[in-house]
Amino acid sequence: MTGLEPATAAVRSLSVAGRTVAAAESLTGGLVCAALTSVPGASAVVRGGVVVYATDLKTALAGVEPAVLDREGPVSAEVARAMADGVRHRLGADVGVATTGVAGPEPQDGHRPGTVHVALASPEGVVLRSCADADRLTGDRDAVRRRTVEIAIGLLATAAAGNSG
């Protein structure tokens, strides 16, 4: 897969592995699904996605338990994990990917802009990438959202390639 764009690599790896994907997106507002579906042949692997920008929709559409949201808040690693696993089950996919965080320019719920949590759930478990505190993403709102999509697609491409052979 060397040299391929990350979304192309992810779609191809999922296809080779015979796996499907679904996305639950808060911070990225559908950009992960847009990146995946821009690849020819994506219809064979992309089941769908939900944009759960509003906190209540994280429960209603992505299956996050209200107690998790009450305890952790919408911008947390645990909520990203729950979103990824929930969308995987609700949309009947092999893999679920989720994004949550603060793009800015203002803080949200006590989290600074650039605080991001991306999770990928599969039957093998959950992989999480958190960018918070000193490791938070930098740049303006668009840069944070673009970098979050790159992280999500990268996790997906790596996980799919690891399960394709």
N, C-alpha and C. Protein backbone atom coordinates (compact mmCIF):
# COMPACT_ATOMS: atom_id res chain seq x y z
N MET A 1 0.81 -1.20 0.00
CA MET A 1 0.00 0.00 0.00
C MET A 1 0.85 1.27 0.00
N THR A 2 2.14 1.14 -0.06
CA THR A 2 3.02 2.29 -0.03
C THR A 2 2.71 3.24 -1.18
N GLY A 3 2.67 4.53 -0.87
CA GLY A 3 2.46 5.52 -1.89
C GLY A 3 1.01 5.88 -2.15
N LEU A 4 0.08 5.10 -1.64
CA LEU A 4 -1.33 5.40 -1.84
C LEU A 4 -1.77 6.48 -0.86
N GLU A 5 -2.74 7.27 -1.27
CA GLU A 5 -3.37 8.20 -0.35
C GLU A 5 -3.96 7.38 0.80
N PRO A 6 -3.96 7.92 2.01
CA PRO A 6 -4.46 7.15 3.16
C PRO A 6 -5.88 6.61 3.00
N ALA A 7 -6.81 7.42 2.46
CA ALA A 7 -8.18 6.93 2.29
C ALA A 7 -8.24 5.79 1.28
N THR A 8 -7.47 5.89 0.21
CA THR A 8 -7.41 4.81 -0.77
C THR A 8 -6.83 3.55 -0.14
N ALA A 9 -5.77 3.71 0.64
CA ALA A 9 -5.16 2.57 1.33
C ALA A 9 -6.15 1.92 2.28
N ALA A 10 -6.91 2.74 3.01
CA ALA A 10 -7.89 2.21 3.96
C ALA A 10 -8.98 1.43 3.24
N VAL A 11 -9.53 2.00 2.18
CA VAL A 11 -10.60 1.32 1.44
C VAL A 11 -10.09 0.02 0.83
N ARG A 12 -8.92 0.07 0.23
CA ARG A 12 -8.37 -1.14 -0.38
C ARG A 12 -8.08 -2.21 0.66
N SER A 13 -7.50 -1.82 1.78
CA SER A 13 -7.21 -2.80 2.84
C SER A 13 -8.49 -3.41 3.40
N LEU A 14 -9.50 -2.59 3.62
CA LEU A 14 -10.79 -3.12 4.09
C LEU A 14 -11.37 -4.09 3.07
N SER A 15 -11.29 -3.74 1.80
CA SER A 15 -11.81 -4.59 0.74
C SER A 15 -11.09 -5.94 0.71
N VAL A 16 -9.77 -5.90 0.75
CA VAL A 16 -8.98 -7.13 0.75
C VAL A 16 -9.31 -7.99 1.97
N ALA A 17 -9.53 -7.34 3.11
CA ALA A 17 -9.85 -8.07 4.34
C ALA A 17 -11.30 -8.53 4.39
N GLY A 18 -12.13 -8.05 3.45
CA GLY A 18 -13.54 -8.40 3.46
C GLY A 18 -14.29 -7.76 4.62
N ARG A 19 -13.86 -6.55 5.00
CA ARG A 19 -14.45 -5.87 6.14
C ARG A 19 -15.18 -4.60 5.72
N THR A 20 -16.13 -4.21 6.56
CA THR A 20 -16.88 -2.98 6.33
C THR A 20 -16.61 -2.00 7.47
N VAL A 21 -16.94 -0.72 7.22
CA VAL A 21 -16.69 0.32 8.20
C VAL A 21 -17.89 1.24 8.32
N ALA A 22 -18.07 1.78 9.53
CA ALA A 22 -19.08 2.81 9.79
C ALA A 22 -18.41 3.88 10.64
N ALA A 23 -18.87 5.11 10.53
CA ALA A 23 -18.27 6.22 11.27
C ALA A 23 -19.30 6.95 12.11
N ALA A 24 -18.86 7.37 13.29
CA ALA A 24 -19.63 8.27 14.15
C ALA A 24 -18.76 9.50 14.35
N GLU A 25 -19.21 10.63 13.82
CA GLU A 25 -18.38 11.82 13.82
C GLU A 25 -19.04 12.98 14.55
N SER A 26 -18.29 13.55 15.47
CA SER A 26 -18.71 14.77 16.12
C SER A 26 -17.84 15.91 15.58
N LEU A 27 -16.63 16.01 16.04
CA LEU A 27 -15.70 17.06 15.64
C LEU A 27 -15.56 17.22 14.12
N THR A 28 -15.53 16.12 13.40
CA THR A 28 -15.26 16.16 11.96
C THR A 28 -16.52 16.31 11.11
N GLY A 29 -17.68 16.20 11.68
CA GLY A 29 -18.92 16.52 10.98
C GLY A 29 -19.15 15.83 9.65
N GLY A 30 -18.66 14.62 9.46
CA GLY A 30 -18.86 13.88 8.23
C GLY A 30 -17.65 13.84 7.31
N LEU A 31 -16.57 14.50 7.70
CA LEU A 31 -15.39 14.56 6.84
C LEU A 31 -14.68 13.20 6.69
N VAL A 32 -14.75 12.35 7.71
CA VAL A 32 -14.14 11.02 7.60
C VAL A 32 -14.88 10.21 6.54
N CYS A 33 -16.21 10.20 6.62
CA CYS A 33 -17.00 9.48 5.60
C CYS A 33 -16.77 10.08 4.22
N ALA A 34 -16.68 11.39 4.15
CA ALA A 34 -16.45 12.04 2.86
C ALA A 34 -15.12 11.60 2.27
N ALA A 35 -14.09 11.51 3.09
CA ALA A 35 -12.78 11.07 2.60
C ALA A 35 -12.84 9.63 2.11
N LEU A 36 -13.49 8.77 2.87
CA LEU A 36 -13.59 7.36 2.47
C LEU A 36 -14.41 7.20 1.20
N THR A 37 -15.55 7.89 1.12
CA THR A 37 -16.43 7.70 -0.03
C THR A 37 -15.94 8.43 -1.28
N SER A 38 -14.87 9.21 -1.17
CA SER A 38 -14.27 9.82 -2.34
C SER A 38 -13.44 8.81 -3.14
N VAL A 39 -13.20 7.64 -2.55
CA VAL A 39 -12.39 6.60 -3.19
C VAL A 39 -13.28 5.70 -4.04
N PRO A 40 -12.93 5.48 -5.30
CA PRO A 40 -13.70 4.54 -6.12
C PRO A 40 -13.71 3.16 -5.46
N GLY A 41 -14.87 2.55 -5.42
CA GLY A 41 -15.01 1.23 -4.80
C GLY A 41 -15.38 1.28 -3.33
N ALA A 42 -15.51 2.48 -2.77
CA ALA A 42 -15.83 2.62 -1.35
C ALA A 42 -17.17 2.00 -0.99
N SER A 43 -18.09 1.93 -1.95
CA SER A 43 -19.41 1.38 -1.64
C SER A 43 -19.35 -0.07 -1.19
N ALA A 44 -18.28 -0.76 -1.50
CA ALA A 44 -18.14 -2.15 -1.07
C ALA A 44 -17.76 -2.27 0.40
N VAL A 45 -17.24 -1.19 0.99
CA VAL A 45 -16.78 -1.29 2.37
C VAL A 45 -17.41 -0.29 3.33
N VAL A 46 -17.88 0.85 2.84
CA VAL A 46 -18.46 1.86 3.73
C VAL A 46 -19.94 1.58 3.92
N ARG A 47 -20.32 1.25 5.17
CA ARG A 47 -21.73 1.01 5.49
C ARG A 47 -22.48 2.32 5.64
N GLY A 48 -21.84 3.31 6.25
CA GLY A 48 -22.48 4.59 6.46
C GLY A 48 -21.86 5.32 7.62
N GLY A 49 -22.49 6.42 7.98
CA GLY A 49 -21.97 7.21 9.07
C GLY A 49 -23.06 8.06 9.68
N VAL A 50 -22.78 8.52 10.88
CA VAL A 50 -23.69 9.42 11.57
C VAL A 50 -22.88 10.61 12.07
N VAL A 51 -23.46 11.80 11.93
CA VAL A 51 -22.87 12.99 12.50
C VAL A 51 -23.61 13.25 13.80
N VAL A 52 -22.88 13.17 14.89
CA VAL A 52 -23.47 13.29 16.22
C VAL A 52 -22.86 14.50 16.92
N TYR A 53 -23.05 15.64 16.31
CA TYR A 53 -22.50 16.89 16.83
C TYR A 53 -23.14 17.25 18.17
N ALA A 54 -24.44 17.08 18.27
CA ALA A 54 -25.15 17.35 19.52
C ALA A 54 -24.93 16.19 20.50
N THR A 55 -24.72 16.52 21.74
CA THR A 55 -24.40 15.50 22.75
C THR A 55 -25.48 14.43 22.85
N ASP A 56 -26.76 14.80 22.80
CA ASP A 56 -27.83 13.81 22.93
C ASP A 56 -27.81 12.80 21.78
N LEU A 57 -27.31 13.20 20.62
CA LEU A 57 -27.26 12.28 19.49
C LEU A 57 -26.15 11.24 19.64
N LYS A 58 -25.18 11.51 20.48
CA LYS A 58 -24.16 10.51 20.75
C LYS A 58 -24.81 9.28 21.39
N THR A 59 -25.85 9.50 22.17
CA THR A 59 -26.62 8.40 22.76
C THR A 59 -27.62 7.86 21.74
N ALA A 60 -28.43 8.73 21.17
CA ALA A 60 -29.52 8.30 20.29
C ALA A 60 -29.04 7.58 19.04
N LEU A 61 -27.97 8.05 18.43
CA LEU A 61 -27.52 7.48 17.16
C LEU A 61 -26.27 6.62 17.26
N ALA A 62 -25.36 6.97 18.17
CA ALA A 62 -24.10 6.23 18.27
C ALA A 62 -24.07 5.25 19.42
N GLY A 63 -25.11 5.22 20.23
CA GLY A 63 -25.20 4.21 21.27
C GLY A 63 -24.36 4.44 22.52
N VAL A 64 -23.93 5.67 22.76
CA VAL A 64 -23.16 5.96 23.98
C VAL A 64 -24.12 5.98 25.16
N GLU A 65 -23.78 5.25 26.19
CA GLU A 65 -24.62 5.22 27.39
C GLU A 65 -24.67 6.61 28.02
N PRO A 66 -25.85 7.07 28.42
CA PRO A 66 -25.95 8.38 29.05
C PRO A 66 -25.04 8.52 30.28
N ALA A 67 -24.87 7.46 31.02
CA ALA A 67 -24.00 7.52 32.21
C ALA A 67 -22.55 7.83 31.84
N VAL A 68 -22.10 7.34 30.69
CA VAL A 68 -20.74 7.63 30.23
C VAL A 68 -20.62 9.12 29.90
N LEU A 69 -21.60 9.66 29.20
CA LEU A 69 -21.59 11.09 28.89
C LEU A 69 -21.67 11.94 30.14
N ASP A 70 -22.50 11.54 31.09
CA ASP A 70 -22.63 12.29 32.34
C ASP A 70 -21.31 12.28 33.11
N ARG A 71 -20.66 11.15 33.14
CA ARG A 71 -19.42 10.98 33.90
C ARG A 71 -18.22 11.63 33.21
N GLU A 72 -18.10 11.45 31.89
CA GLU A 72 -16.89 11.84 31.16
C GLU A 72 -17.04 13.14 30.38
N GLY A 73 -18.26 13.50 30.01
CA GLY A 73 -18.48 14.63 29.12
C GLY A 73 -18.29 14.19 27.68
N PRO A 74 -18.77 14.98 26.72
CA PRO A 74 -18.73 14.56 25.32
C PRO A 74 -17.33 14.53 24.70
N VAL A 75 -16.39 15.25 25.28
CA VAL A 75 -15.03 15.28 24.74
C VAL A 75 -14.15 14.43 25.65
N SER A 76 -14.11 13.13 25.35
CA SER A 76 -13.32 12.22 26.18
C SER A 76 -12.96 10.96 25.40
N ALA A 77 -11.91 10.33 25.85
CA ALA A 77 -11.49 9.07 25.24
C ALA A 77 -12.57 8.00 25.38
N GLU A 78 -13.20 7.95 26.54
CA GLU A 78 -14.23 6.94 26.78
C GLU A 78 -15.43 7.13 25.86
N VAL A 79 -15.81 8.37 25.59
CA VAL A 79 -16.93 8.63 24.68
C VAL A 79 -16.53 8.24 23.25
N ALA A 80 -15.30 8.54 22.84
CA ALA A 80 -14.84 8.13 21.51
C ALA A 80 -14.89 6.61 21.37
N ARG A 81 -14.44 5.90 22.39
CA ARG A 81 -14.49 4.43 22.36
C ARG A 81 -15.93 3.94 22.21
N ALA A 82 -16.82 4.51 23.02
CA ALA A 82 -18.22 4.09 23.00
C ALA A 82 -18.88 4.43 21.66
N MET A 83 -18.54 5.57 21.09
CA MET A 83 -19.09 5.95 19.78
C MET A 83 -18.64 4.96 18.70
N ALA A 84 -17.36 4.61 18.71
CA ALA A 84 -16.83 3.69 17.69
C ALA A 84 -17.48 2.32 17.80
N ASP A 85 -17.60 1.83 19.01
CA ASP A 85 -18.21 0.52 19.20
C ASP A 85 -19.71 0.57 18.90
N GLY A 86 -20.36 1.64 19.34
CA GLY A 86 -21.79 1.78 19.11
C GLY A 86 -22.15 1.88 17.64
N VAL A 87 -21.42 2.69 16.88
CA VAL A 87 -21.73 2.83 15.45
C VAL A 87 -21.44 1.54 14.71
N ARG A 88 -20.41 0.83 15.13
CA ARG A 88 -20.08 -0.46 14.51
C ARG A 88 -21.28 -1.40 14.63
N HIS A 89 -21.84 -1.48 15.82
CA HIS A 89 -22.98 -2.37 16.03
C HIS A 89 -24.26 -1.84 15.39
N ARG A 90 -24.54 -0.57 15.55
CA ARG A 90 -25.80 -0.01 15.04
C ARG A 90 -25.88 -0.01 13.52
N LEU A 91 -24.74 0.14 12.84
CA LEU A 91 -24.76 0.17 11.39
C LEU A 91 -24.31 -1.16 10.78
N GLY A 92 -24.08 -2.16 11.61
CA GLY A 92 -23.75 -3.50 11.12
C GLY A 92 -22.43 -3.58 10.38
N ALA A 93 -21.43 -2.87 10.88
CA ALA A 93 -20.11 -2.87 10.25
C ALA A 93 -19.13 -3.71 11.05
N ASP A 94 -18.05 -4.13 10.41
CA ASP A 94 -17.00 -4.86 11.09
C ASP A 94 -16.13 -3.92 11.93
N VAL A 95 -15.99 -2.69 11.45
CA VAL A 95 -15.12 -1.71 12.10
C VAL A 95 -15.90 -0.41 12.28
N GLY A 96 -15.74 0.21 13.43
CA GLY A 96 -16.32 1.52 13.68
C GLY A 96 -15.23 2.51 13.98
N VAL A 97 -15.35 3.71 13.46
CA VAL A 97 -14.38 4.76 13.73
C VAL A 97 -15.16 5.97 14.25
N ALA A 98 -14.58 6.66 15.24
CA ALA A 98 -15.28 7.79 15.85
C ALA A 98 -14.33 8.94 16.14
N THR A 99 -14.87 10.16 16.04
CA THR A 99 -14.10 11.35 16.35
C THR A 99 -14.88 12.25 17.30
N THR A 100 -14.20 12.79 18.29
CA THR A 100 -14.78 13.80 19.16
C THR A 100 -13.66 14.72 19.63
N GLY A 101 -14.01 15.96 19.94
CA GLY A 101 -12.99 16.88 20.39
C GLY A 101 -13.44 18.32 20.25
N VAL A 102 -12.45 19.22 20.33
CA VAL A 102 -12.71 20.66 20.25
C VAL A 102 -11.86 21.23 19.12
N ALA A 103 -12.52 21.74 18.09
CA ALA A 103 -11.81 22.33 16.96
C ALA A 103 -11.46 23.79 17.23
N GLY A 104 -12.23 24.44 18.09
CA GLY A 104 -11.97 25.84 18.40
C GLY A 104 -12.86 26.75 17.59
N PRO A 105 -12.70 28.01 17.73
CA PRO A 105 -11.55 28.65 18.36
C PRO A 105 -11.64 28.76 19.88
N GLU A 106 -12.81 28.53 20.44
CA GLU A 106 -13.00 28.67 21.89
C GLU A 106 -12.95 27.31 22.58
N PRO A 107 -12.56 27.27 23.85
CA PRO A 107 -12.62 26.02 24.62
C PRO A 107 -14.07 25.54 24.73
N GLN A 108 -14.22 24.25 25.00
CA GLN A 108 -15.55 23.65 25.20
C GLN A 108 -15.48 22.72 26.39
N ASP A 109 -16.41 22.88 27.29
CA ASP A 109 -16.50 22.01 28.47
C ASP A 109 -15.15 21.86 29.18
N GLY A 110 -14.41 22.95 29.24
CA GLY A 110 -13.13 22.93 29.93
C GLY A 110 -11.96 22.36 29.14
N HIS A 111 -12.19 22.03 27.86
CA HIS A 111 -11.13 21.48 27.00
C HIS A 111 -10.67 22.54 26.02
N ARG A 112 -9.37 22.63 25.85
CA ARG A 112 -8.80 23.61 24.94
C ARG A 112 -8.94 23.14 23.49
N PRO A 113 -8.98 24.09 22.55
CA PRO A 113 -8.99 23.71 21.14
C PRO A 113 -7.80 22.81 20.81
N GLY A 114 -8.05 21.83 19.96
CA GLY A 114 -7.02 20.87 19.60
C GLY A 114 -7.07 19.60 20.43
N THR A 115 -7.93 19.58 21.45
CA THR A 115 -8.13 18.36 22.22
C THR A 115 -9.00 17.43 21.37
N VAL A 116 -8.47 16.26 21.05
CA VAL A 116 -9.12 15.36 20.10
C VAL A 116 -8.98 13.92 20.58
N HIS A 117 -10.04 13.15 20.39
CA HIS A 117 -10.03 11.71 20.67
C HIS A 117 -10.59 10.99 19.45
N VAL A 118 -9.84 10.04 18.94
CA VAL A 118 -10.25 9.24 17.79
C VAL A 118 -10.16 7.77 18.21
N ALA A 119 -11.22 7.02 17.95
CA ALA A 119 -11.24 5.60 18.32
C ALA A 119 -11.64 4.75 17.13
N LEU A 120 -11.12 3.55 17.12
CA LEU A 120 -11.45 2.56 16.11
C LEU A 120 -11.81 1.27 16.85
N ALA A 121 -13.00 0.76 16.61
CA ALA A 121 -13.46 -0.46 17.28
C ALA A 121 -13.66 -1.57 16.26
N SER A 122 -13.19 -2.76 16.61
CA SER A 122 -13.35 -3.94 15.77
C SER A 122 -13.52 -5.13 16.69
N PRO A 123 -13.78 -6.31 16.13
CA PRO A 123 -13.89 -7.49 17.00
C PRO A 123 -12.61 -7.75 17.81
N GLU A 124 -11.48 -7.22 17.32
CA GLU A 124 -10.21 -7.41 18.03
C GLU A 124 -10.03 -6.45 19.20
N GLY A 125 -10.89 -5.46 19.32
CA GLY A 125 -10.77 -4.49 20.41
C GLY A 125 -10.84 -3.07 19.91
N VAL A 126 -10.44 -2.15 20.77
CA VAL A 126 -10.50 -0.73 20.47
C VAL A 126 -9.10 -0.14 20.47
N VAL A 127 -8.82 0.65 19.44
CA VAL A 127 -7.57 1.41 19.36
C VAL A 127 -7.95 2.86 19.53
N LEU A 128 -7.21 3.57 20.37
CA LEU A 128 -7.54 4.95 20.67
C LEU A 128 -6.32 5.83 20.44
N ARG A 129 -6.57 7.00 19.87
CA ARG A 129 -5.53 8.02 19.75
C ARG A 129 -6.09 9.29 20.35
N SER A 130 -5.47 9.74 21.43
CA SER A 130 -5.89 10.98 22.08
C SER A 130 -4.82 12.05 21.92
N CYS A 131 -5.27 13.23 21.60
CA CYS A 131 -4.39 14.39 21.50
C CYS A 131 -4.94 15.41 22.49
N ALA A 132 -4.31 15.50 23.64
CA ALA A 132 -4.81 16.38 24.69
C ALA A 132 -3.63 17.00 25.43
N ASP A 133 -3.93 18.02 26.19
CA ASP A 133 -2.92 18.73 26.97
C ASP A 133 -1.74 19.13 26.09
N ALA A 134 -0.53 18.72 26.43
CA ALA A 134 0.65 19.11 25.66
C ALA A 134 0.66 18.49 24.26
N ASP A 135 -0.08 17.40 24.06
CA ASP A 135 -0.12 16.70 22.77
C ASP A 135 -1.29 17.12 21.88
N ARG A 136 -2.03 18.14 22.30
CA ARG A 136 -3.21 18.51 21.51
C ARG A 136 -2.77 19.06 20.15
N LEU A 137 -3.69 18.99 19.21
CA LEU A 137 -3.41 19.46 17.85
C LEU A 137 -3.35 20.98 17.82
N THR A 138 -2.54 21.51 16.92
CA THR A 138 -2.40 22.95 16.82
C THR A 138 -2.96 23.43 15.48
N GLY A 139 -3.17 24.72 15.40
CA GLY A 139 -3.69 25.32 14.18
C GLY A 139 -5.10 25.83 14.38
N ASP A 140 -5.64 26.38 13.30
CA ASP A 140 -7.01 26.90 13.36
C ASP A 140 -8.02 25.75 13.29
N ARG A 141 -9.27 26.11 13.32
CA ARG A 141 -10.36 25.13 13.32
C ARG A 141 -10.26 24.14 12.15
N ASP A 142 -10.04 24.65 10.96
CA ASP A 142 -9.94 23.77 9.79
C ASP A 142 -8.75 22.83 9.90
N ALA A 143 -7.63 23.33 10.40
CA ALA A 143 -6.43 22.49 10.54
C ALA A 143 -6.66 21.37 11.54
N VAL A 144 -7.32 21.67 12.65
CA VAL A 144 -7.61 20.64 13.66
C VAL A 144 -8.53 19.57 13.07
N ARG A 145 -9.54 20.00 12.35
CA ARG A 145 -10.47 19.04 11.75
C ARG A 145 -9.77 18.19 10.68
N ARG A 146 -8.96 18.82 9.82
CA ARG A 146 -8.22 18.06 8.78
C ARG A 146 -7.28 17.04 9.41
N ARG A 147 -6.56 17.46 10.43
CA ARG A 147 -5.61 16.55 11.09
C ARG A 147 -6.35 15.40 11.78
N THR A 148 -7.51 15.67 12.33
CA THR A 148 -8.31 14.62 12.96
C THR A 148 -8.75 13.59 11.93
N VAL A 149 -9.15 14.04 10.75
CA VAL A 149 -9.52 13.11 9.67
C VAL A 149 -8.30 12.26 9.30
N GLU A 150 -7.14 12.89 9.18
CA GLU A 150 -5.92 12.14 8.86
C GLU A 150 -5.63 11.05 9.89
N ILE A 151 -5.82 11.39 11.16
CA ILE A 151 -5.58 10.41 12.24
C ILE A 151 -6.57 9.26 12.10
N ALA A 152 -7.85 9.58 11.90
CA ALA A 152 -8.88 8.54 11.80
C ALA A 152 -8.62 7.63 10.61
N ILE A 153 -8.33 8.20 9.45
CA ILE A 153 -8.07 7.40 8.25
C ILE A 153 -6.79 6.58 8.43
N GLY A 154 -5.79 7.17 9.06
CA GLY A 154 -4.55 6.45 9.33
C GLY A 154 -4.76 5.25 10.23
N LEU A 155 -5.53 5.44 11.30
CA LEU A 155 -5.85 4.30 12.19
C LEU A 155 -6.59 3.22 11.42
N LEU A 156 -7.53 3.64 10.60
CA LEU A 156 -8.33 2.69 9.82
C LEU A 156 -7.46 1.94 8.83
N ALA A 157 -6.58 2.63 8.12
CA ALA A 157 -5.71 1.99 7.14
C ALA A 157 -4.77 0.99 7.81
N THR A 158 -4.20 1.38 8.94
CA THR A 158 -3.28 0.51 9.67
C THR A 158 -3.99 -0.72 10.19
N ALA A 159 -5.16 -0.52 10.81
CA ALA A 159 -5.91 -1.65 11.36
C ALA A 159 -6.39 -2.59 10.26
N ALA A 160 -6.88 -2.02 9.16
CA ALA A 160 -7.37 -2.86 8.06
C ALA A 160 -6.24 -3.65 7.44
N ALA A 161 -5.09 -3.01 7.23
CA ALA A 161 -3.94 -3.72 6.64
C ALA A 161 -3.47 -4.83 7.55
N GLY A 162 -3.51 -4.59 8.86
CA GLY A 162 -3.08 -5.61 9.82
C GLY A 162 -3.99 -6.81 9.86
N ASN A 163 -5.23 -6.65 9.42
CA ASN A 163 -6.19 -7.76 9.44
C ASN A 163 -6.46 -8.34 8.07
N SER A 164 -5.68 -7.90 7.07
CA SER A 164 -5.96 -8.37 5.72
C SER A 164 -5.11 -9.57 5.30
N GLY A 165 -4.24 -9.97 6.13
CA GLY A 165 -3.41 -11.05 5.69
C GLY A 165 -3.19 -12.05 6.73
